[in-house]
Amino acid sequence: MNDSDVKDANLGQVAVAAVNQYLRHARAIGLDPDAAARAAGIPAGKLERVDERITGAQFQAVVRWLTETSGDPLLGLRSGEFVQPGSYAVLGYITMSCQTLGEAIALIRPYERLVGDMGVTRFVQRGGASWLHWECRYADPLVWPQVVDNVFASWINYGRWLADQEAAAPERVELERDSPGGELEREYHRRWGCEVRFACAQNRLILKPKQLGWPLRQPDPALRRTLEEHARAEMAKLDEGESDLLTRVRNAIRRELQAGVSRQDLVAERLGMSSRTLQRRLGSLGLEYRQVLDGVRREMAEAYLRDMELPVGEIGARLGFAELRSFYRSFRRWTGTTPRAWRRQQGRAPNEG
């Protein structure tokens, strides 16, 4: 397996229900969804079954084909207008049954894998401010700006619908992508009704304080409990049926690191195999355990530094580093700077305690 194969394998899966949002937009502008499926190597008829999933590599190919064929640099922004509750699989119906918008937002992270592995959402509340941060999983320079635009446009439009607030706008949106310039940039402001900044350090949607308390149009606590039971069962199926060894190993490492443990034998035991078998199977992907551990540690280190007020020493201990200097050495190798300096770059005051 070459480097490209490993990268594609690490793109996870995406629910067809989420893909169909893009395809509804494609039909509206006269593009053929079947042609997009063929270009991505998706079997005929698979995109008609909303309970199916496609690979992340196939999803990336669909978005690339739509972007290239339409010639529209704002495909992601415009396709976000086609969001429906079903676009989020069962998570969409769970959020419909919540009492407030804040309650609905808090459920994104636990169940977003049901929608797909396109990226990771973090809901942050700090100092009276609240925001949604989304980290895209894709690296294709033609694809990832469209996917990010679609996610934020979908959040804004779906949130308006949930709360019956047709013209309500967030406080501000910050995007990593460069400005498309001129009239195209004004299209974001027109559709979202708020300040939109480009070339930012993160993709963030900053909420107005009152928005978390918005009552939703169809609260139903009993239905929510039933739907969450179904969602937990579906999440369990994803874990049990996960064919992507790399994803399973990363998830197992993440769980062990939450207890400050990084031992290969314990990760292998969690996966139901011996340490030797784990190393052999990773070897078939051209990987070693220490490489995978290194990647997960970096992801968790950055999340801790950015989103939690933990001392740097405690973060290192949580990630299984026996000595603080070992954590510093690894973090500098990952980012070219120290944990404290990186935290300051994210706009966080360092916690030295």
Protein backbone atom coordinates (compact mmCIF):
# COMPACT_ATOMS: atom_id res chain seq x y z
CA MET A 1 0.00 0.00 0.00
CA ASN A 2 1.47 3.36 -1.04
CA ASP A 3 1.19 6.70 0.77
CA SER A 4 -1.83 7.72 -1.30
CA ASP A 5 -3.67 4.52 -0.40
CA VAL A 6 -3.01 5.04 3.31
CA LYS A 7 -4.22 8.65 3.12
CA ASP A 8 -7.39 7.60 1.29
CA ALA A 9 -8.03 4.82 3.83
CA ASN A 10 -7.81 7.41 6.58
CA LEU A 11 -10.63 9.51 5.09
CA GLY A 12 -13.24 7.30 6.71
CA GLN A 13 -16.81 7.15 5.42
CA VAL A 14 -19.69 9.51 4.66
CA ALA A 15 -23.44 8.88 4.89
CA VAL A 16 -25.25 9.02 1.55
CA ALA A 17 -27.82 11.25 3.29
CA ALA A 18 -25.13 13.93 3.61
CA VAL A 19 -23.95 13.51 0.01
CA ASN A 20 -27.47 14.02 -1.30
CA GLN A 21 -27.41 17.64 -0.17
CA TYR A 22 -24.72 18.29 -2.80
CA LEU A 23 -26.63 16.27 -5.38
CA ARG A 24 -29.85 18.26 -4.86
CA HIS A 25 -27.87 21.39 -5.65
CA ALA A 26 -26.32 19.65 -8.67
CA ARG A 27 -29.74 18.88 -10.10
CA ALA A 28 -30.86 22.45 -9.50
CA ILE A 29 -28.00 23.81 -11.63
CA GLY A 30 -28.41 21.18 -14.35
CA LEU A 31 -25.62 18.73 -13.46
CA ASP A 32 -26.06 14.96 -13.62
CA PRO A 33 -25.63 13.26 -10.20
CA ASP A 34 -25.08 9.91 -11.93
CA ALA A 35 -22.10 11.37 -13.76
CA ALA A 36 -20.68 12.53 -10.44
CA ALA A 37 -21.13 9.02 -9.01
CA ARG A 38 -19.40 7.42 -12.00
CA ALA A 39 -16.49 9.86 -11.75
CA ALA A 40 -16.06 8.88 -8.09
CA GLY A 41 -16.32 5.12 -8.74
CA ILE A 42 -19.56 4.76 -6.79
CA PRO A 43 -21.71 1.76 -7.84
CA ALA A 44 -24.88 2.56 -9.77
CA GLY A 45 -27.88 3.16 -7.54
CA LYS A 46 -25.91 3.42 -4.29
CA LEU A 47 -26.57 7.14 -3.91
CA GLU A 48 -30.30 6.46 -4.02
CA ARG A 49 -30.17 4.49 -0.75
CA VAL A 50 -29.98 7.01 2.10
CA ASP A 51 -29.00 4.39 4.68
CA GLU A 52 -25.81 3.55 2.76
CA ARG A 53 -22.31 4.97 3.27
CA ILE A 54 -19.55 5.71 0.77
CA THR A 55 -15.84 6.10 1.41
CA GLY A 56 -14.37 9.48 2.23
CA ALA A 57 -12.21 9.21 -0.90
CA GLN A 58 -15.37 8.75 -3.00
CA PHE A 59 -17.04 11.72 -1.33
CA GLN A 60 -13.97 13.86 -1.99
CA ALA A 61 -14.09 12.79 -5.65
CA VAL A 62 -17.78 13.74 -5.89
CA VAL A 63 -17.14 17.24 -4.53
CA ARG A 64 -14.12 17.66 -6.81
CA TRP A 65 -16.15 16.63 -9.87
CA LEU A 66 -19.03 18.97 -8.97
CA THR A 67 -16.64 21.88 -8.37
CA GLU A 68 -14.71 21.36 -11.58
CA THR A 69 -17.78 20.70 -13.73
CA SER A 70 -19.83 23.60 -12.38
CA GLY A 71 -16.90 26.02 -12.41
CA ASP A 72 -18.47 27.55 -9.30
CA PRO A 73 -16.00 28.68 -6.62
CA LEU A 74 -18.94 28.97 -4.19
CA LEU A 75 -20.40 25.50 -4.74
CA GLY A 76 -20.11 24.67 -1.03
CA LEU A 77 -21.79 27.88 0.07
CA ARG A 78 -24.68 27.43 -2.34
CA SER A 79 -25.18 23.71 -1.72
CA GLY A 80 -25.67 24.53 1.97
CA GLU A 81 -29.03 26.02 1.03
CA PHE A 82 -30.26 22.48 0.32
CA VAL A 83 -29.87 21.17 3.87
CA GLN A 84 -32.72 19.08 5.32
CA PRO A 85 -33.11 17.23 8.64
CA GLY A 86 -32.28 14.02 6.76
CA SER A 87 -28.96 15.52 5.65
CA TYR A 88 -27.70 14.74 9.16
CA ALA A 89 -29.08 11.18 9.26
CA VAL A 90 -30.65 10.32 12.64
CA LEU A 91 -28.75 13.24 14.24
CA GLY A 92 -30.99 15.61 12.27
CA TYR A 93 -34.13 14.15 13.81
CA ILE A 94 -32.60 14.12 17.29
CA THR A 95 -31.85 17.84 17.06
CA MET A 96 -35.41 18.51 15.87
CA SER A 97 -36.72 17.08 19.14
CA CYS A 98 -34.51 19.24 21.40
CA GLN A 99 -35.81 22.06 23.59
CA THR A 100 -33.27 24.74 22.62
CA LEU A 101 -30.67 25.41 19.96
CA GLY A 102 -27.91 25.12 22.55
CA GLU A 103 -29.16 21.64 23.47
CA ALA A 104 -29.13 20.65 19.80
CA ILE A 105 -25.60 22.00 19.24
CA ALA A 106 -24.26 20.01 22.20
CA LEU A 107 -25.32 16.78 20.47
CA ILE A 108 -23.27 17.33 17.32
CA ARG A 109 -19.98 15.98 18.66
CA PRO A 110 -21.30 12.72 20.21
CA TYR A 111 -23.14 11.67 17.05
CA GLU A 112 -21.44 13.40 14.11
CA ARG A 113 -19.83 10.15 12.92
CA LEU A 114 -23.34 9.04 11.91
CA VAL A 115 -23.21 11.81 9.31
CA GLY A 116 -19.65 11.00 8.29
CA ASP A 117 -15.96 11.38 8.97
CA MET A 118 -15.55 14.64 7.02
CA GLY A 119 -14.18 16.51 10.01
CA VAL A 120 -14.34 17.12 13.74
CA THR A 121 -16.66 19.58 15.50
CA ARG A 122 -15.89 21.25 18.82
CA PHE A 123 -18.40 23.34 20.74
CA VAL A 124 -16.50 25.80 22.93
CA GLN A 125 -17.88 28.08 25.64
CA ARG A 126 -15.39 30.44 27.22
CA GLY A 127 -15.65 33.79 28.94
CA GLY A 128 -19.25 34.37 27.93
CA ALA A 129 -18.55 33.56 24.26
CA SER A 130 -19.69 30.43 22.40
CA TRP A 131 -18.54 29.07 19.08
CA LEU A 132 -18.49 26.02 16.87
CA HIS A 133 -15.07 25.09 15.54
CA TRP A 134 -14.82 22.65 12.64
CA GLU A 135 -11.62 20.97 11.47
CA CYS A 136 -11.91 19.53 7.95
CA ARG A 137 -10.41 16.11 7.31
CA TYR A 138 -9.70 16.66 3.62
CA ALA A 139 -6.51 18.11 2.17
CA ASP A 140 -7.42 18.43 -1.52
CA PRO A 141 -7.07 22.22 -2.11
CA LEU A 142 -10.02 22.26 -4.51
CA VAL A 143 -12.28 20.26 -2.19
CA TRP A 144 -11.74 21.33 1.40
CA PRO A 145 -12.86 24.99 1.01
CA GLN A 146 -16.12 23.77 -0.55
CA VAL A 147 -16.72 21.24 2.22
CA VAL A 148 -16.04 23.83 4.93
CA ASP A 149 -18.35 26.34 3.23
CA ASN A 150 -21.06 23.69 2.96
CA VAL A 151 -20.78 22.73 6.64
CA PHE A 152 -21.09 26.32 7.84
CA ALA A 153 -23.86 27.21 5.39
CA SER A 154 -25.74 24.08 6.46
CA TRP A 155 -25.36 24.90 10.16
CA ILE A 156 -26.66 28.44 9.66
CA ASN A 157 -29.60 27.46 7.47
CA TYR A 158 -30.57 24.44 9.56
CA GLY A 159 -30.30 26.43 12.80
CA ARG A 160 -32.62 29.09 11.37
CA TRP A 161 -35.12 26.43 10.38
CA LEU A 162 -34.96 24.61 13.74
CA ALA A 163 -35.60 27.78 15.71
CA ASP A 164 -38.03 29.30 13.19
CA GLN A 165 -35.73 32.32 12.85
CA GLU A 166 -35.63 32.85 9.11
CA ALA A 167 -33.25 35.79 8.99
CA ALA A 168 -31.27 35.25 12.21
CA ALA A 169 -27.51 35.50 11.88
CA PRO A 170 -24.56 34.42 14.01
CA GLU A 171 -22.20 36.99 15.46
CA ARG A 172 -19.38 36.19 13.02
CA VAL A 173 -17.94 33.44 10.84
CA GLU A 174 -14.19 32.89 10.47
CA LEU A 175 -12.88 30.75 7.61
CA GLU A 176 -9.42 29.39 6.92
CA ARG A 177 -9.93 29.69 3.16
CA ASP A 178 -8.68 32.73 1.31
CA SER A 179 -11.19 35.36 0.29
CA PRO A 180 -12.73 34.65 -3.12
CA GLY A 181 -12.63 38.42 -3.62
CA GLY A 182 -15.01 41.20 -4.56
CA GLU A 183 -18.58 40.26 -5.37
CA LEU A 184 -18.08 36.63 -4.36
CA GLU A 185 -17.07 37.64 -0.84
CA ARG A 186 -20.20 39.77 -0.57
CA GLU A 187 -22.26 36.67 -1.35
CA TYR A 188 -21.27 35.19 2.04
CA HIS A 189 -22.43 38.34 3.83
CA ARG A 190 -25.68 38.39 1.87
CA ARG A 191 -26.56 34.76 2.65
CA TRP A 192 -25.36 34.62 6.24
CA GLY A 193 -26.18 38.18 7.33
CA CYS A 194 -23.08 38.59 9.47
CA GLU A 195 -19.40 39.52 9.37
CA VAL A 196 -17.34 36.90 7.53
CA ARG A 197 -13.55 36.87 7.85
CA PHE A 198 -11.21 34.94 5.56
CA ALA A 199 -7.66 33.57 5.89
CA CYS A 200 -8.24 32.94 9.62
CA ALA A 201 -6.39 30.48 11.85
CA GLN A 202 -9.50 28.30 12.33
CA ASN A 203 -12.92 27.63 10.87
CA ARG A 204 -15.29 29.03 13.51
CA LEU A 205 -18.91 30.10 13.79
CA ILE A 206 -19.28 32.51 16.71
CA LEU A 207 -22.78 32.62 18.18
CA LYS A 208 -24.65 35.52 19.72
CA PRO A 209 -25.31 34.88 23.44
CA LYS A 210 -29.07 34.70 23.03
CA GLN A 211 -28.92 32.09 20.28
CA LEU A 212 -28.14 29.17 22.59
CA GLY A 213 -31.46 29.75 24.36
CA TRP A 214 -33.61 29.86 21.24
CA PRO A 215 -36.60 27.52 21.71
CA LEU A 216 -36.99 25.02 18.88
CA ARG A 217 -40.17 24.48 16.93
CA GLN A 218 -40.84 20.80 17.75
CA PRO A 219 -39.44 19.87 21.20
CA ASP A 220 -40.23 16.29 22.19
CA PRO A 221 -38.10 14.90 25.07
CA ALA A 222 -39.62 11.40 24.83
CA LEU A 223 -38.90 11.17 21.12
CA ARG A 224 -35.40 12.48 21.69
CA ARG A 225 -34.65 9.68 24.17
CA THR A 226 -35.92 7.06 21.70
CA LEU A 227 -33.89 8.53 18.85
CA GLU A 228 -30.75 8.72 20.99
CA GLU A 229 -31.10 5.02 21.82
CA HIS A 230 -31.24 4.32 18.10
CA ALA A 231 -28.25 6.61 17.47
CA ARG A 232 -26.17 4.84 20.12
CA ALA A 233 -26.98 1.50 18.51
CA GLU A 234 -25.93 2.85 15.12
CA MET A 235 -22.70 4.20 16.60
CA ALA A 236 -21.98 0.76 18.07
CA LYS A 237 -22.50 -0.80 14.65
CA LEU A 238 -20.03 1.62 13.14
CA ASP A 239 -17.44 0.67 15.73
CA GLU A 240 -18.08 -3.06 15.42
CA GLY A 241 -18.18 -3.07 11.65
CA GLU A 242 -15.27 -0.70 11.15
CA SER A 243 -13.20 -2.19 8.34
CA ASP A 244 -10.64 0.58 8.45
CA LEU A 245 -7.94 -0.84 10.71
CA LEU A 246 -6.17 2.48 10.97
CA THR A 247 -9.32 4.23 12.24
CA ARG A 248 -9.91 1.46 14.79
CA VAL A 249 -6.32 1.68 16.06
CA ARG A 250 -6.49 5.46 16.32
CA ASN A 251 -9.75 5.28 18.25
CA ALA A 252 -8.30 2.68 20.62
CA ILE A 253 -5.17 4.76 21.20
CA ARG A 254 -7.33 7.80 21.89
CA ARG A 255 -9.31 5.90 24.53
CA GLU A 256 -6.15 4.64 26.24
CA LEU A 257 -4.55 8.08 26.16
CA GLN A 258 -7.54 9.49 28.00
CA ALA A 259 -6.15 7.50 30.93
CA GLY A 260 -2.57 8.60 30.20
CA VAL A 261 -1.61 5.18 28.80
CA SER A 262 0.17 4.69 25.47
CA ARG A 263 1.22 1.02 25.64
CA GLN A 264 0.88 -0.97 22.43
CA ASP A 265 -0.10 -4.18 24.23
CA LEU A 266 -3.09 -2.52 25.92
CA VAL A 267 -4.25 -0.98 22.65
CA ALA A 268 -3.95 -4.39 20.98
CA GLU A 269 -5.92 -5.99 23.81
CA ARG A 270 -8.68 -3.42 23.37
CA LEU A 271 -8.82 -4.42 19.69
CA GLY A 272 -8.97 -8.13 20.54
CA MET A 273 -5.55 -9.10 19.16
CA SER A 274 -1.98 -9.61 20.29
CA SER A 275 0.62 -6.86 20.13
CA ARG A 276 2.51 -8.83 17.48
CA THR A 277 -0.62 -9.20 15.34
CA LEU A 278 -1.35 -5.50 15.63
CA GLN A 279 2.15 -4.60 14.47
CA ARG A 280 1.94 -7.08 11.57
CA ARG A 281 -1.39 -5.69 10.38
CA LEU A 282 -0.16 -2.11 10.63
CA GLY A 283 2.94 -3.19 8.75
CA SER A 284 0.73 -4.32 5.88
CA LEU A 285 -0.32 -0.65 5.60
CA GLY A 286 3.29 0.49 5.65
CA LEU A 287 2.90 1.84 9.19
CA GLU A 288 4.34 1.28 12.64
CA TYR A 289 2.49 1.64 15.94
CA ARG A 290 4.69 4.53 17.05
CA GLN A 291 3.74 6.51 13.90
CA VAL A 292 0.03 6.13 14.59
CA LEU A 293 0.52 6.95 18.29
CA ASP A 294 2.49 10.05 17.31
CA GLY A 295 -0.32 11.32 15.09
CA VAL A 296 -3.03 10.80 17.71
CA ARG A 297 -0.91 12.44 20.39
CA ARG A 298 -0.46 15.51 18.23
CA GLU A 299 -4.19 15.81 17.54
CA MET A 300 -5.05 15.46 21.22
CA ALA A 301 -2.27 17.82 22.33
CA GLU A 302 -3.53 20.56 20.03
CA ALA A 303 -7.13 20.01 21.17
CA TYR A 304 -6.15 20.18 24.85
CA LEU A 305 -4.09 23.34 24.34
CA ARG A 306 -6.75 25.06 22.26
CA ASP A 307 -9.95 24.03 24.00
CA MET A 308 -9.09 23.26 27.62
CA GLU A 309 -7.49 25.28 30.39
CA LEU A 310 -5.01 22.62 31.46
CA PRO A 311 -1.37 23.19 32.49
CA VAL A 312 1.11 22.03 29.86
CA GLY A 313 2.59 19.51 32.27
CA GLU A 314 -0.79 17.89 32.85
CA ILE A 315 -1.41 17.68 29.10
CA GLY A 316 1.91 15.88 28.65
CA ALA A 317 1.02 13.43 31.42
CA ARG A 318 -2.42 12.79 29.91
CA LEU A 319 -0.73 11.90 26.63
CA GLY A 320 1.46 9.30 28.28
CA PHE A 321 4.74 11.23 28.31
CA ALA A 322 6.83 10.22 31.29
CA GLU A 323 8.72 13.53 31.30
CA LEU A 324 7.69 17.06 30.38
CA ARG A 325 10.82 17.54 28.28
CA SER A 326 9.80 14.54 26.15
CA PHE A 327 6.44 16.20 25.46
CA TYR A 328 8.20 19.47 24.57
CA ARG A 329 10.60 17.69 22.23
CA SER A 330 7.77 15.89 20.42
CA PHE A 331 5.58 18.99 20.19
CA ARG A 332 8.41 21.03 18.69
CA ARG A 333 8.96 18.26 16.12
CA TRP A 334 5.26 18.35 15.22
CA THR A 335 4.76 22.11 15.02
CA GLY A 336 8.14 23.81 15.10
CA THR A 337 7.31 25.59 18.35
CA THR A 338 6.63 24.93 22.04
CA PRO A 339 3.23 24.04 23.53
CA ARG A 340 3.00 27.38 25.34
CA ALA A 341 3.93 29.38 22.23
CA TRP A 342 1.45 27.40 20.13
CA ARG A 343 -1.28 28.07 22.69
CA ARG A 344 -0.55 31.82 22.53
CA GLN A 345 -0.76 31.68 18.72
CA GLN A 346 -4.30 30.31 19.09
CA GLY A 347 -5.27 33.37 21.08
CA ARG A 348 -5.20 31.54 24.42
CA ALA A 349 -3.48 32.87 27.52
CA PRO A 350 -1.03 30.19 28.68
CA ASN A 351 -1.94 28.26 31.82
CA GLU A 352 1.35 27.73 33.63
CA GLY A 353 -0.15 26.21 36.76
